[in-house]
Amino acid sequence: MLSLSAAVLAQALASTAALPATQPPTLPAPSIVVTHEWYGYETLPIDVAALALVEIGFAKLNTALFVAGAFLYPIGAPIVHLAHGRPLLGLVDLSVRTALDLLLAVPIAALGDIEPTGTFAFNGA
């Protein structure tokens, strides 16, 4: 009887398919995908030039320089964004800069009136 049960056990083990060894799934190596490159070094000189024109125009009482800088500041960086194929970012930047320009115009207008002669006429001292 012992030999019969050993034979049945041997036959049962031989008839069952071997289970495949399972290995933990391997994850692919992470890769960094760069969709655009940083180009802030291109917008910085435009901003510096615009703010310098505003400052010099205000200090020298020259309306033309002041207005040139005030118009260059909101449009300079959005043009760079457009050149890099990012029109939505250019539109957002234009909106923020225009709002900032208008908010700063109120205190400057309170300091003095811009006259058509090209100079500032200050109210008070």
PDB file of N, CA and C in Angstrom:
ATOM      1  N   MET A   1       0.814  -1.165   0.000  1.00  0.00           N
ATOM      2  CA  MET A   1       0.000   0.000   0.000  1.00  0.00           C
ATOM      3  C   MET A   1       0.870   1.245   0.000  1.00  0.00           C
ATOM      4  N   LEU A   2       1.980   1.139   0.655  1.00  0.00           N
ATOM      5  CA  LEU A   2       2.899   2.263   0.697  1.00  0.00           C
ATOM      6  C   LEU A   2       3.454   2.540  -0.682  1.00  0.00           C
ATOM      7  N   SER A   3       3.713   1.511  -1.433  1.00  0.00           N
ATOM      8  CA  SER A   3       4.248   1.737  -2.768  1.00  0.00           C
ATOM      9  C   SER A   3       3.185   2.324  -3.681  1.00  0.00           C
ATOM     10  N   LEU A   4       1.925   1.977  -3.465  1.00  0.00           N
ATOM     11  CA  LEU A   4       0.847   2.520  -4.270  1.00  0.00           C
ATOM     12  C   LEU A   4       0.662   4.011  -3.994  1.00  0.00           C
ATOM     13  N   SER A   5       0.697   4.400  -2.741  1.00  0.00           N
ATOM     14  CA  SER A   5       0.538   5.823  -2.445  1.00  0.00           C
ATOM     15  C   SER A   5       1.737   6.622  -2.924  1.00  0.00           C
ATOM     16  N   ALA A   6       2.930   6.031  -2.911  1.00  0.00           N
ATOM     17  CA  ALA A   6       4.100   6.729  -3.440  1.00  0.00           C
ATOM     18  C   ALA A   6       3.993   6.877  -4.938  1.00  0.00           C
ATOM     19  N   ALA A   7       3.459   5.872  -5.621  1.00  0.00           N
ATOM     20  CA  ALA A   7       3.298   5.935  -7.067  1.00  0.00           C
ATOM     21  C   ALA A   7       2.251   6.977  -7.447  1.00  0.00           C
ATOM     22  N   VAL A   8       1.166   7.037  -6.676  1.00  0.00           N
ATOM     23  CA  VAL A   8       0.113   8.025  -6.945  1.00  0.00           C
ATOM     24  C   VAL A   8       0.653   9.435  -6.716  1.00  0.00           C
ATOM     25  N   LEU A   9       1.430   9.575  -5.681  1.00  0.00           N
ATOM     26  CA  LEU A   9       2.019  10.896  -5.386  1.00  0.00           C
ATOM     27  C   LEU A   9       2.986  11.300  -6.479  1.00  0.00           C
ATOM     28  N   ALA A  10       3.797  10.362  -6.945  1.00  0.00           N
ATOM     29  CA  ALA A  10       4.753  10.659  -8.013  1.00  0.00           C
ATOM     30  C   ALA A  10       4.022  11.022  -9.291  1.00  0.00           C
ATOM     31  N   GLN A  11       2.943  10.314  -9.598  1.00  0.00           N
ATOM     32  CA  GLN A  11       2.170  10.595 -10.799  1.00  0.00           C
ATOM     33  C   GLN A  11       1.478  11.960 -10.676  1.00  0.00           C
ATOM     34  N   ALA A  12       0.974  12.323  -9.534  1.00  0.00           N
ATOM     35  CA  ALA A  12       0.311  13.597  -9.332  1.00  0.00           C
ATOM     36  C   ALA A  12       1.287  14.762  -9.470  1.00  0.00           C
ATOM     37  N   LEU A  13       2.477  14.555  -8.931  1.00  0.00           N
ATOM     38  CA  LEU A  13       3.481  15.620  -9.055  1.00  0.00           C
ATOM     39  C   LEU A  13       3.954  15.773 -10.488  1.00  0.00           C
ATOM     40  N   ALA A  14       4.023  14.688 -11.223  1.00  0.00           N
ATOM     41  CA  ALA A  14       4.492  14.749 -12.604  1.00  0.00           C
ATOM     42  C   ALA A  14       3.447  15.366 -13.513  1.00  0.00           C
ATOM     43  N   SER A  15       2.160  15.199 -13.192  1.00  0.00           N
ATOM     44  CA  SER A  15       1.119  15.689 -14.083  1.00  0.00           C
ATOM     45  C   SER A  15       0.820  17.178 -13.887  1.00  0.00           C
ATOM     46  N   THR A  16       1.146  17.728 -12.765  1.00  0.00           N
ATOM     47  CA  THR A  16       0.872  19.150 -12.554  1.00  0.00           C
ATOM     48  C   THR A  16       1.972  19.978 -13.198  1.00  0.00           C
ATOM     49  N   ALA A  17       1.537  21.050 -13.841  1.00  0.00           N
ATOM     50  CA  ALA A  17       2.515  21.931 -14.482  1.00  0.00           C
ATOM     51  C   ALA A  17       3.237  22.730 -13.408  1.00  0.00           C
ATOM     52  N   ALA A  18       4.482  22.952 -13.656  1.00  0.00           N
ATOM     53  CA  ALA A  18       5.267  23.730 -12.710  1.00  0.00           C
ATOM     54  C   ALA A  18       4.803  25.187 -12.763  1.00  0.00           C
ATOM     55  N   LEU A  19       4.630  25.773 -11.610  1.00  0.00           N
ATOM     56  CA  LEU A  19       4.233  27.167 -11.539  1.00  0.00           C
ATOM     57  C   LEU A  19       5.419  28.059 -11.900  1.00  0.00           C
ATOM     58  N   PRO A  20       5.178  29.060 -12.725  1.00  0.00           N
ATOM     59  CA  PRO A  20       6.302  29.935 -13.067  1.00  0.00           C
ATOM     60  C   PRO A  20       6.723  30.757 -11.857  1.00  0.00           C
ATOM     61  N   ALA A  21       7.982  30.998 -11.786  1.00  0.00           N
ATOM     62  CA  ALA A  21       8.504  31.822 -10.701  1.00  0.00           C
ATOM     63  C   ALA A  21       8.109  33.275 -10.977  1.00  0.00           C
ATOM     64  N   THR A  22       7.509  33.909 -10.016  1.00  0.00           N
ATOM     65  CA  THR A  22       7.092  35.293 -10.218  1.00  0.00           C
ATOM     66  C   THR A  22       8.182  36.231  -9.725  1.00  0.00           C
ATOM     67  N   GLN A  23       8.443  37.207 -10.550  1.00  0.00           N
ATOM     68  CA  GLN A  23       9.428  38.231 -10.197  1.00  0.00           C
ATOM     69  C   GLN A  23       8.681  39.545 -10.033  1.00  0.00           C
ATOM     70  N   PRO A  24       9.164  40.366  -9.155  1.00  0.00           N
ATOM     71  CA  PRO A  24       8.494  41.667  -9.008  1.00  0.00           C
ATOM     72  C   PRO A  24       8.628  42.456 -10.311  1.00  0.00           C
ATOM     73  N   PRO A  25       7.595  43.190 -10.660  1.00  0.00           N
ATOM     74  CA  PRO A  25       7.673  43.964 -11.909  1.00  0.00           C
ATOM     75  C   PRO A  25       8.764  45.019 -11.811  1.00  0.00           C
ATOM     76  N   THR A  26       9.460  45.209 -12.902  1.00  0.00           N
ATOM     77  CA  THR A  26      10.508  46.219 -12.944  1.00  0.00           C
ATOM     78  C   THR A  26       9.931  47.487 -13.547  1.00  0.00           C
ATOM     79  N   LEU A  27      10.202  48.582 -12.915  1.00  0.00           N
ATOM     80  CA  LEU A  27       9.735  49.880 -13.398  1.00  0.00           C
ATOM     81  C   LEU A  27      10.786  50.487 -14.310  1.00  0.00           C
ATOM     82  N   PRO A  28      10.346  51.194 -15.336  1.00  0.00           N
ATOM     83  CA  PRO A  28      11.334  51.835 -16.204  1.00  0.00           C
ATOM     84  C   PRO A  28      12.059  52.945 -15.438  1.00  0.00           C
ATOM     85  N   ALA A  29      13.266  53.196 -15.855  1.00  0.00           N
ATOM     86  CA  ALA A  29      14.054  54.249 -15.212  1.00  0.00           C
ATOM     87  C   ALA A  29      13.379  55.599 -15.454  1.00  0.00           C
ATOM     88  N   PRO A  30      13.287  56.447 -14.434  1.00  0.00           N
ATOM     89  CA  PRO A  30      12.645  57.752 -14.642  1.00  0.00           C
ATOM     90  C   PRO A  30      13.467  58.598 -15.602  1.00  0.00           C
ATOM     91  N   SER A  31      12.747  59.295 -16.446  1.00  0.00           N
ATOM     92  CA  SER A  31      13.433  60.173 -17.388  1.00  0.00           C
ATOM     93  C   SER A  31      12.870  61.579 -17.232  1.00  0.00           C
ATOM     94  N   ILE A  32      13.710  62.553 -17.391  1.00  0.00           N
ATOM     95  CA  ILE A  32      13.314  63.955 -17.278  1.00  0.00           C
ATOM     96  C   ILE A  32      13.044  64.471 -18.680  1.00  0.00           C
ATOM     97  N   VAL A  33      11.845  64.982 -18.866  1.00  0.00           N
ATOM     98  CA  VAL A  33      11.469  65.518 -20.161  1.00  0.00           C
ATOM     99  C   VAL A  33      11.413  67.031 -20.036  1.00  0.00           C
ATOM    100  N   VAL A  34      12.235  67.715 -20.794  1.00  0.00           N
ATOM    101  CA  VAL A  34      12.259  69.170 -20.787  1.00  0.00           C
ATOM    102  C   VAL A  34      11.399  69.649 -21.947  1.00  0.00           C
ATOM    103  N   THR A  35      10.326  70.378 -21.621  1.00  0.00           N
ATOM    104  CA  THR A  35       9.449  70.859 -22.681  1.00  0.00           C
ATOM    105  C   THR A  35       9.871  72.240 -23.191  1.00  0.00           C
ATOM    106  N   HIS A  36      10.598  72.984 -22.404  1.00  0.00           N
ATOM    107  CA  HIS A  36      11.103  74.282 -22.828  1.00  0.00           C
ATOM    108  C   HIS A  36      12.327  74.624 -21.988  1.00  0.00           C
ATOM    109  N   GLU A  37      13.065  75.565 -22.462  1.00  0.00           N
ATOM    110  CA  GLU A  37      14.245  75.981 -21.713  1.00  0.00           C
ATOM    111  C   GLU A  37      14.018  77.360 -21.106  1.00  0.00           C
ATOM    112  N   TRP A  38      14.780  77.656 -20.076  1.00  0.00           N
ATOM    113  CA  TRP A  38      14.650  78.931 -19.389  1.00  0.00           C
ATOM    114  C   TRP A  38      15.285  80.016 -20.238  1.00  0.00           C
ATOM    115  N   TYR A  39      14.575  81.104 -20.433  1.00  0.00           N
ATOM    116  CA  TYR A  39      15.102  82.205 -21.236  1.00  0.00           C
ATOM    117  C   TYR A  39      14.927  83.542 -20.517  1.00  0.00           C
ATOM    118  N   GLY A  40      14.999  83.491 -19.201  1.00  0.00           N
ATOM    119  CA  GLY A  40      14.884  84.713 -18.409  1.00  0.00           C
ATOM    120  C   GLY A  40      16.004  85.695 -18.667  1.00  0.00           C
ATOM    121  N   TYR A  41      17.166  85.184 -19.077  1.00  0.00           N
ATOM    122  CA  TYR A  41      18.278  86.080 -19.389  1.00  0.00           C
ATOM    123  C   TYR A  41      17.975  86.943 -20.606  1.00  0.00           C
ATOM    124  N   GLU A  42      16.952  86.584 -21.380  1.00  0.00           N
ATOM    125  CA  GLU A  42      16.573  87.401 -22.530  1.00  0.00           C
ATOM    126  C   GLU A  42      15.571  88.491 -22.141  1.00  0.00           C
ATOM    127  N   THR A  43      14.748  88.232 -21.131  1.00  0.00           N
ATOM    128  CA  THR A  43      13.773  89.242 -20.712  1.00  0.00           C
ATOM    129  C   THR A  43      14.387  90.243 -19.745  1.00  0.00           C
ATOM    130  N   LEU A  44      15.399  89.840 -19.017  1.00  0.00           N
ATOM    131  CA  LEU A  44      16.004  90.712 -18.009  1.00  0.00           C
ATOM    132  C   LEU A  44      16.570  92.011 -18.593  1.00  0.00           C
ATOM    133  N   PRO A  45      17.351  91.989 -19.684  1.00  0.00           N
ATOM    134  CA  PRO A  45      17.872  93.264 -20.209  1.00  0.00           C
ATOM    135  C   PRO A  45      16.768  94.209 -20.686  1.00  0.00           C
ATOM    136  N   ILE A  46      15.682  93.651 -21.198  1.00  0.00           N
ATOM    137  CA  ILE A  46      14.575  94.503 -21.646  1.00  0.00           C
ATOM    138  C   ILE A  46      13.929  95.189 -20.447  1.00  0.00           C
ATOM    139  N   ASP A  47      13.725  94.425 -19.375  1.00  0.00           N
ATOM    140  CA  ASP A  47      13.145  95.015 -18.162  1.00  0.00           C
ATOM    141  C   ASP A  47      14.070  96.073 -17.564  1.00  0.00           C
ATOM    142  N   VAL A  48      15.353  95.796 -17.535  1.00  0.00           N
ATOM    143  CA  VAL A  48      16.312  96.760 -16.983  1.00  0.00           C
ATOM    144  C   VAL A  48      16.303  98.041 -17.818  1.00  0.00           C
ATOM    145  N   ALA A  49      16.292  97.903 -19.136  1.00  0.00           N
ATOM    146  CA  ALA A  49      16.275  99.082 -20.003  1.00  0.00           C
ATOM    147  C   ALA A  49      14.991  99.891 -19.808  1.00  0.00           C
ATOM    148  N   ALA A  50      13.856  99.200 -19.721  1.00  0.00           N
ATOM    149  CA  ALA A  50      12.581  99.902 -19.546  1.00  0.00           C
ATOM    150  C   ALA A  50      12.534 100.643 -18.215  1.00  0.00           C
ATOM    151  N   LEU A  51      12.938  99.976 -17.148  1.00  0.00           N
ATOM    152  CA  LEU A  51      12.921 100.629 -15.842  1.00  0.00           C
ATOM    153  C   LEU A  51      13.955 101.750 -15.754  1.00  0.00           C
ATOM    154  N   ALA A  52      15.081 101.602 -16.456  1.00  0.00           N
ATOM    155  CA  ALA A  52      16.078 102.679 -16.486  1.00  0.00           C
ATOM    156  C   ALA A  52      15.522 103.898 -17.219  1.00  0.00           C
ATOM    157  N   LEU A  53      14.804 103.666 -18.315  1.00  0.00           N
ATOM    158  CA  LEU A  53      14.197 104.786 -19.031  1.00  0.00           C
ATOM    159  C   LEU A  53      13.175 105.514 -18.159  1.00  0.00           C
ATOM    160  N   VAL A  54      12.382 104.751 -17.427  1.00  0.00           N
ATOM    161  CA  VAL A  54      11.398 105.374 -16.528  1.00  0.00           C
ATOM    162  C   VAL A  54      12.113 106.194 -15.464  1.00  0.00           C
ATOM    163  N   GLU A  55      13.133 105.627 -14.851  1.00  0.00           N
ATOM    164  CA  GLU A  55      13.862 106.317 -13.782  1.00  0.00           C
ATOM    165  C   GLU A  55      14.573 107.568 -14.298  1.00  0.00           C
ATOM    166  N   ILE A  56      15.266 107.444 -15.419  1.00  0.00           N
ATOM    167  CA  ILE A  56      15.984 108.596 -15.981  1.00  0.00           C
ATOM    168  C   ILE A  56      14.988 109.668 -16.418  1.00  0.00           C
ATOM    169  N   GLY A  57      13.899 109.247 -17.047  1.00  0.00           N
ATOM    170  CA  GLY A  57      12.886 110.215 -17.469  1.00  0.00           C
ATOM    171  C   GLY A  57      12.287 110.955 -16.297  1.00  0.00           C
ATOM    172  N   PHE A  58      12.079 110.249 -15.191  1.00  0.00           N
ATOM    173  CA  PHE A  58      11.515 110.894 -14.006  1.00  0.00           C
ATOM    174  C   PHE A  58      12.540 111.809 -13.343  1.00  0.00           C
ATOM    175  N   ALA A  59      13.789 111.342 -13.268  1.00  0.00           N
ATOM    176  CA  ALA A  59      14.827 112.139 -12.599  1.00  0.00           C
ATOM    177  C   ALA A  59      15.196 113.380 -13.408  1.00  0.00           C
ATOM    178  N   LYS A  60      15.236 113.255 -14.722  1.00  0.00           N
ATOM    179  CA  LYS A  60      15.629 114.371 -15.589  1.00  0.00           C
ATOM    180  C   LYS A  60      14.427 115.202 -16.041  1.00  0.00           C
ATOM    181  N   LEU A  61      13.234 114.837 -15.539  1.00  0.00           N
ATOM    182  CA  LEU A  61      12.011 115.536 -15.910  1.00  0.00           C
ATOM    183  C   LEU A  61      11.763 115.499 -17.418  1.00  0.00           C
ATOM    184  N   ASN A  62      12.043 114.355 -18.026  1.00  0.00           N
ATOM    185  CA  ASN A  62      11.869 114.181 -19.469  1.00  0.00           C
ATOM    186  C   ASN A  62      10.699 113.224 -19.703  1.00  0.00           C
ATOM    187  N   THR A  63       9.599 113.761 -20.208  1.00  0.00           N
ATOM    188  CA  THR A  63       8.400 112.962 -20.419  1.00  0.00           C
ATOM    189  C   THR A  63       8.608 111.893 -21.475  1.00  0.00           C
ATOM    190  N   ALA A  64       9.363 112.194 -22.529  1.00  0.00           N
ATOM    191  CA  ALA A  64       9.550 111.233 -23.618  1.00  0.00           C
ATOM    192  C   ALA A  64      10.244 109.962 -23.131  1.00  0.00           C
ATOM    193  N   LEU A  65      11.301 110.117 -22.332  1.00  0.00           N
ATOM    194  CA  LEU A  65      11.991 108.931 -21.805  1.00  0.00           C
ATOM    195  C   LEU A  65      11.099 108.160 -20.840  1.00  0.00           C
ATOM    196  N   PHE A  66      10.376 108.888 -20.017  1.00  0.00           N
ATOM    197  CA  PHE A  66       9.491 108.254 -19.050  1.00  0.00           C
ATOM    198  C   PHE A  66       8.416 107.430 -19.753  1.00  0.00           C
ATOM    199  N   VAL A  67       7.782 108.008 -20.741  1.00  0.00           N
ATOM    200  CA  VAL A  67       6.708 107.318 -21.463  1.00  0.00           C
ATOM    201  C   VAL A  67       7.272 106.150 -22.275  1.00  0.00           C
ATOM    202  N   ALA A  68       8.454 106.321 -22.864  1.00  0.00           N
ATOM    203  CA  ALA A  68       9.076 105.215 -23.619  1.00  0.00           C
ATOM    204  C   ALA A  68       9.328 104.016 -22.711  1.00  0.00           C
ATOM    205  N   GLY A  69       9.844 104.258 -21.528  1.00  0.00           N
ATOM    206  CA  GLY A  69      10.071 103.167 -20.585  1.00  0.00           C
ATOM    207  C   GLY A  69       8.777 102.559 -20.090  1.00  0.00           C
ATOM    208  N   ALA A  70       7.762 103.397 -19.876  1.00  0.00           N
ATOM    209  CA  ALA A  70       6.466 102.906 -19.407  1.00  0.00           C
ATOM    210  C   ALA A  70       5.778 102.044 -20.456  1.00  0.00           C
ATOM    211  N   PHE A  71       6.010 102.316 -21.738  1.00  0.00           N
ATOM    212  CA  PHE A  71       5.444 101.476 -22.792  1.00  0.00           C
ATOM    213  C   PHE A  71       6.296 100.243 -23.076  1.00  0.00           C
ATOM    214  N   LEU A  72       7.611 100.346 -22.902  1.00  0.00           N
ATOM    215  CA  LEU A  72       8.492  99.203 -23.168  1.00  0.00           C
ATOM    216  C   LEU A  72       8.336  98.117 -22.108  1.00  0.00           C
ATOM    217  N   TYR A  73       8.125  98.505 -20.860  1.00  0.00           N
ATOM    218  CA  TYR A  73       8.061  97.510 -19.787  1.00  0.00           C
ATOM    219  C   TYR A  73       6.961  96.463 -20.002  1.00  0.00           C
ATOM    220  N   PRO A  74       5.717  96.850 -20.317  1.00  0.00           N
ATOM    221  CA  PRO A  74       4.706  95.801 -20.455  1.00  0.00           C
ATOM    222  C   PRO A  74       4.810  94.972 -21.719  1.00  0.00           C
ATOM    223  N   ILE A  75       5.458  95.460 -22.773  1.00  0.00           N
ATOM    224  CA  ILE A  75       5.473  94.690 -24.023  1.00  0.00           C
ATOM    225  C   ILE A  75       6.786  93.960 -24.296  1.00  0.00           C
ATOM    226  N   GLY A  76       7.853  94.297 -23.570  1.00  0.00           N
ATOM    227  CA  GLY A  76       9.159  93.695 -23.850  1.00  0.00           C
ATOM    228  C   GLY A  76       9.202  92.193 -23.636  1.00  0.00           C
ATOM    229  N   ALA A  77       8.886  91.744 -22.432  1.00  0.00           N
ATOM    230  CA  ALA A  77       8.948  90.310 -22.120  1.00  0.00           C
ATOM    231  C   ALA A  77       7.895  89.497 -22.868  1.00  0.00           C
ATOM    232  N   PRO A  78       6.658  89.987 -23.047  1.00  0.00           N
ATOM    233  CA  PRO A  78       5.711  89.205 -23.844  1.00  0.00           C
ATOM    234  C   PRO A  78       6.176  88.957 -25.279  1.00  0.00           C
ATOM    235  N   ILE A  79       6.906  89.895 -25.853  1.00  0.00           N
ATOM    236  CA  ILE A  79       7.457  89.674 -27.199  1.00  0.00           C
ATOM    237  C   ILE A  79       8.461  88.529 -27.169  1.00  0.00           C
ATOM    238  N   VAL A  80       9.270  88.446 -26.114  1.00  0.00           N
ATOM    239  CA  VAL A  80      10.230  87.336 -25.987  1.00  0.00           C
ATOM    240  C   VAL A  80       9.477  86.018 -25.839  1.00  0.00           C
ATOM    241  N   HIS A  81       8.384  86.004 -25.064  1.00  0.00           N
ATOM    242  CA  HIS A  81       7.586  84.780 -24.922  1.00  0.00           C
ATOM    243  C   HIS A  81       7.011  84.351 -26.275  1.00  0.00           C
ATOM    244  N   LEU A  82       6.531  85.294 -27.049  1.00  0.00           N
ATOM    245  CA  LEU A  82       6.011  84.975 -28.380  1.00  0.00           C
ATOM    246  C   LEU A  82       7.105  84.421 -29.280  1.00  0.00           C
ATOM    247  N   ALA A  83       8.295  84.987 -29.195  1.00  0.00           N
ATOM    248  CA  ALA A  83       9.413  84.508 -30.010  1.00  0.00           C
ATOM    249  C   ALA A  83       9.792  83.071 -29.656  1.00  0.00           C
ATOM    250  N   HIS A  84       9.525  82.661 -28.421  1.00  0.00           N
ATOM    251  CA  HIS A  84       9.827  81.287 -27.998  1.00  0.00           C
ATOM    252  C   HIS A  84       8.624  80.360 -28.167  1.00  0.00           C
ATOM    253  N   GLY A  85       7.584  80.809 -28.844  1.00  0.00           N
ATOM    254  CA  GLY A  85       6.434  79.967 -29.135  1.00  0.00           C
ATOM    255  C   GLY A  85       5.520  79.718 -27.950  1.00  0.00           C
ATOM    256  N   ARG A  86       5.434  80.662 -27.030  1.00  0.00           N
ATOM    257  CA  ARG A  86       4.573  80.519 -25.850  1.00  0.00           C
ATOM    258  C   ARG A  86       3.613  81.705 -25.775  1.00  0.00           C
ATOM    259  N   PRO A  87       2.625  81.749 -26.680  1.00  0.00           N
ATOM    260  CA  PRO A  87       1.739  82.918 -26.733  1.00  0.00           C
ATOM    261  C   PRO A  87       0.860  83.073 -25.497  1.00  0.00           C
ATOM    262  N   LEU A  88       0.417  81.986 -24.889  1.00  0.00           N
ATOM    263  CA  LEU A  88      -0.429  82.100 -23.703  1.00  0.00           C
ATOM    264  C   LEU A  88       0.338  82.738 -22.544  1.00  0.00           C
ATOM    265  N   LEU A  89       1.574  82.316 -22.349  1.00  0.00           N
ATOM    266  CA  LEU A  89       2.398  82.925 -21.307  1.00  0.00           C
ATOM    267  C   LEU A  89       2.667  84.395 -21.625  1.00  0.00           C
ATOM    268  N   GLY A  90       2.845  84.716 -22.905  1.00  0.00           N
ATOM    269  CA  GLY A  90       3.026  86.105 -23.309  1.00  0.00           C
ATOM    270  C   GLY A  90       1.814  86.953 -22.989  1.00  0.00           C
ATOM    271  N   LEU A  91       0.613  86.393 -23.198  1.00  0.00           N
ATOM    272  CA  LEU A  91      -0.617  87.123 -22.896  1.00  0.00           C
ATOM    273  C   LEU A  91      -0.778  87.331 -21.394  1.00  0.00           C
ATOM    274  N   VAL A  92      -0.467  86.312 -20.612  1.00  0.00           N
ATOM    275  CA  VAL A  92      -0.547  86.440 -19.149  1.00  0.00           C
ATOM    276  C   VAL A  92       0.460  87.481 -18.660  1.00  0.00           C
ATOM    277  N   ASP A  93       1.665  87.418 -19.185  1.00  0.00           N
ATOM    278  CA  ASP A  93       2.705  88.371 -18.782  1.00  0.00           C
ATOM    279  C   ASP A  93       2.311  89.792 -19.168  1.00  0.00           C
ATOM    280  N   LEU A  94       1.745  89.962 -20.350  1.00  0.00           N
ATOM    281  CA  LEU A  94       1.282  91.285 -20.785  1.00  0.00           C
ATOM    282  C   LEU A  94       0.198  91.814 -19.852  1.00  0.00           C
ATOM    283  N   SER A  95      -0.715  90.951 -19.442  1.00  0.00           N
ATOM    284  CA  SER A  95      -1.795  91.373 -18.542  1.00  0.00           C
ATOM    285  C   SER A  95      -1.260  91.811 -17.188  1.00  0.00           C
ATOM    286  N   VAL A  96      -0.346  91.008 -16.635  1.00  0.00           N
ATOM    287  CA  VAL A  96       0.206  91.337 -15.317  1.00  0.00           C
ATOM    288  C   VAL A  96       1.020  92.620 -15.379  1.00  0.00           C
ATOM    289  N   ARG A  97       1.833  92.757 -16.403  1.00  0.00           N
ATOM    290  CA  ARG A  97       2.681  93.947 -16.510  1.00  0.00           C
ATOM    291  C   ARG A  97       1.857  95.210 -16.783  1.00  0.00           C
ATOM    292  N   THR A  98       0.805  95.086 -17.567  1.00  0.00           N
ATOM    293  CA  THR A  98      -0.039  96.249 -17.826  1.00  0.00           C
ATOM    294  C   THR A  98      -0.758  96.676 -16.548  1.00  0.00           C
ATOM    295  N   ALA A  99      -1.258  95.698 -15.795  1.00  0.00           N
ATOM    296  CA  ALA A  99      -1.913  96.030 -14.523  1.00  0.00           C
ATOM    297  C   ALA A  99      -0.927  96.690 -13.565  1.00  0.00           C
ATOM    298  N   LEU A 100       0.294  96.165 -13.504  1.00  0.00           N
ATOM    299  CA  LEU A 100       1.314  96.751 -12.635  1.00  0.00           C
ATOM    300  C   LEU A 100       1.661  98.162 -13.090  1.00  0.00           C
ATOM    301  N   ASP A 101       1.771  98.352 -14.390  1.00  0.00           N
ATOM    302  CA  ASP A 101       2.068  99.675 -14.944  1.00  0.00           C
ATOM    303  C   ASP A 101       0.969 100.671 -14.569  1.00  0.00           C
ATOM    304  N   LEU A 102      -0.275 100.249 -14.687  1.00  0.00           N
ATOM    305  CA  LEU A 102      -1.391 101.150 -14.353  1.00  0.00           C
ATOM    306  C   LEU A 102      -1.457 101.432 -12.860  1.00  0.00           C
ATOM    307  N   LEU A 103      -1.158 100.424 -12.028  1.00  0.00           N
ATOM    308  CA  LEU A 103      -1.166 100.643 -10.586  1.00  0.00           C
ATOM    309  C   LEU A 103      -0.061 101.605 -10.152  1.00  0.00           C
ATOM    310  N   LEU A 104       1.074 101.554 -10.824  1.00  0.00           N
ATOM    311  CA  LEU A 104       2.171 102.460 -10.483  1.00  0.00           C
ATOM    312  C   LEU A 104       1.950 103.851 -11.056  1.00  0.00           C
ATOM    313  N   ALA A 105       1.116 103.971 -12.073  1.00  0.00           N
ATOM    314  CA  ALA A 105       0.864 105.282 -12.668  1.00  0.00           C
ATOM    315  C   ALA A 105       0.080 106.185 -11.721  1.00  0.00           C
ATOM    316  N   VAL A 106      -0.734 105.609 -10.866  1.00  0.00           N
ATOM    317  CA  VAL A 106      -1.549 106.418  -9.947  1.00  0.00           C
ATOM    318  C   VAL A 106      -0.672 107.192  -8.957  1.00  0.00           C
ATOM    319  N   PRO A 107       0.272 106.553  -8.238  1.00  0.00           N
ATOM    320  CA  PRO A 107       1.107 107.347  -7.325  1.00  0.00           C
ATOM    321  C   PRO A 107       2.008 108.339  -8.058  1.00  0.00           C
ATOM    322  N   ILE A 108       2.459 107.974  -9.239  1.00  0.00           N
ATOM    323  CA  ILE A 108       3.316 108.902  -9.990  1.00  0.00           C
ATOM    324  C   ILE A 108       2.503 110.116 -10.433  1.00  0.00           C
ATOM    325  N   ALA A 109       1.278 109.880 -10.841  1.00  0.00           N
ATOM    326  CA  ALA A 109       0.418 110.999 -11.242  1.00  0.00           C
ATOM    327  C   ALA A 109       0.105 111.895 -10.055  1.00  0.00           C
ATOM    328  N   ALA A 110       0.059 111.329  -8.859  1.00  0.00           N
ATOM    329  CA  ALA A 110      -0.200 112.136  -7.669  1.00  0.00           C
ATOM    330  C   ALA A 110       0.986 113.040  -7.341  1.00  0.00           C
ATOM    331  N   LEU A 111       2.203 112.623  -7.738  1.00  0.00           N
ATOM    332  CA  LEU A 111       3.383 113.444  -7.469  1.00  0.00           C
ATOM    333  C   LEU A 111       3.433 114.681  -8.356  1.00  0.00           C
ATOM    334  N   GLY A 112       2.982 114.546  -9.563  1.00  0.00           N
ATOM    335  CA  GLY A 112       3.061 115.693 -10.464  1.00  0.00           C
ATOM    336  C   GLY A 112       2.240 115.467 -11.708  1.00  0.00           C
ATOM    337  N   ASP A 113       1.998 116.542 -12.430  1.00  0.00           N
ATOM    338  CA  ASP A 113       1.245 116.465 -13.675  1.00  0.00           C
ATOM    339  C   ASP A 113       2.214 116.478 -14.837  1.00  0.00           C
ATOM    340  N   ILE A 114       1.970 115.637 -15.812  1.00  0.00           N
ATOM    341  CA  ILE A 114       2.805 115.629 -17.007  1.00  0.00           C
ATOM    342  C   ILE A 114       2.241 116.675 -17.961  1.00  0.00           C
ATOM    343  N   GLU A 115       3.076 117.622 -18.321  1.00  0.00           N
ATOM    344  CA  GLU A 115       2.637 118.685 -19.208  1.00  0.00           C
ATOM    345  C   GLU A 115       3.049 118.370 -20.639  1.00  0.00           C
ATOM    346  N   PRO A 116       2.355 118.906 -21.614  1.00  0.00           N
ATOM    347  CA  PRO A 116       2.669 118.614 -23.008  1.00  0.00           C
ATOM    348  C   PRO A 116       4.013 119.187 -23.464  1.00  0.00           C
ATOM    349  N   THR A 117       4.659 119.989 -22.644  1.00  0.00           N
ATOM    350  CA  THR A 117       5.949 120.558 -23.029  1.00  0.00           C
ATOM    351  C   THR A 117       7.069 119.546 -22.928  1.00  0.00           C
ATOM    352  N   GLY A 118       6.808 118.392 -22.327  1.00  0.00           N
ATOM    353  CA  GLY A 118       7.841 117.379 -22.211  1.00  0.00           C
ATOM    354  C   GLY A 118       8.520 117.366 -20.871  1.00  0.00           C
ATOM    355  N   THR A 119       8.000 118.109 -19.924  1.00  0.00           N
ATOM    356  CA  THR A 119       8.575 118.121 -18.582  1.00  0.00           C
ATOM    357  C   THR A 119       7.481 117.856 -17.558  1.00  0.00           C
ATOM    358  N   PHE A 120       7.883 117.501 -16.367  1.00  0.00           N
ATOM    359  CA  PHE A 120       6.940 117.298 -15.273  1.00  0.00           C
ATOM    360  C   PHE A 120       6.734 118.624 -14.545  1.00  0.00           C
ATOM    361  N   ALA A 121       5.522 118.905 -14.144  1.00  0.00           N
ATOM    362  CA  ALA A 121       5.234 120.048 -13.293  1.00  0.00           C
ATOM    363  C   ALA A 121       4.795 119.478 -11.949  1.00  0.00           C
ATOM    364  N   PHE A 122       5.605 119.641 -10.949  1.00  0.00           N
ATOM    365  CA  PHE A 122       5.324 119.046  -9.653  1.00  0.00           C
ATOM    366  C   PHE A 122       4.355 119.906  -8.854  1.00  0.00           C
ATOM    367  N   ASN A 123       3.469 119.235  -8.167  1.00  0.00           N
ATOM    368  CA  ASN A 123       2.532 119.920  -7.269  1.00  0.00           C
ATOM    369  C   ASN A 123       3.210 120.085  -5.923  1.00  0.00           C
ATOM    370  N   GLY A 124       3.467 121.244  -5.509  1.00  0.00           N
ATOM    371  CA  GLY A 124       4.067 121.456  -4.201  1.00  0.00           C
ATOM    372  C   GLY A 124       5.543 121.743  -4.309  1.00  0.00           C
ATOM    373  N   ALA A 125       6.302 121.236  -3.334  1.00  0.00           N
ATOM    374  CA  ALA A 125       7.721 121.529  -3.239  1.00  0.00           C
ATOM    375  C   ALA A 125       8.400 121.009  -4.442  1.00  0.00           C
TER     376      ALA A 125
END
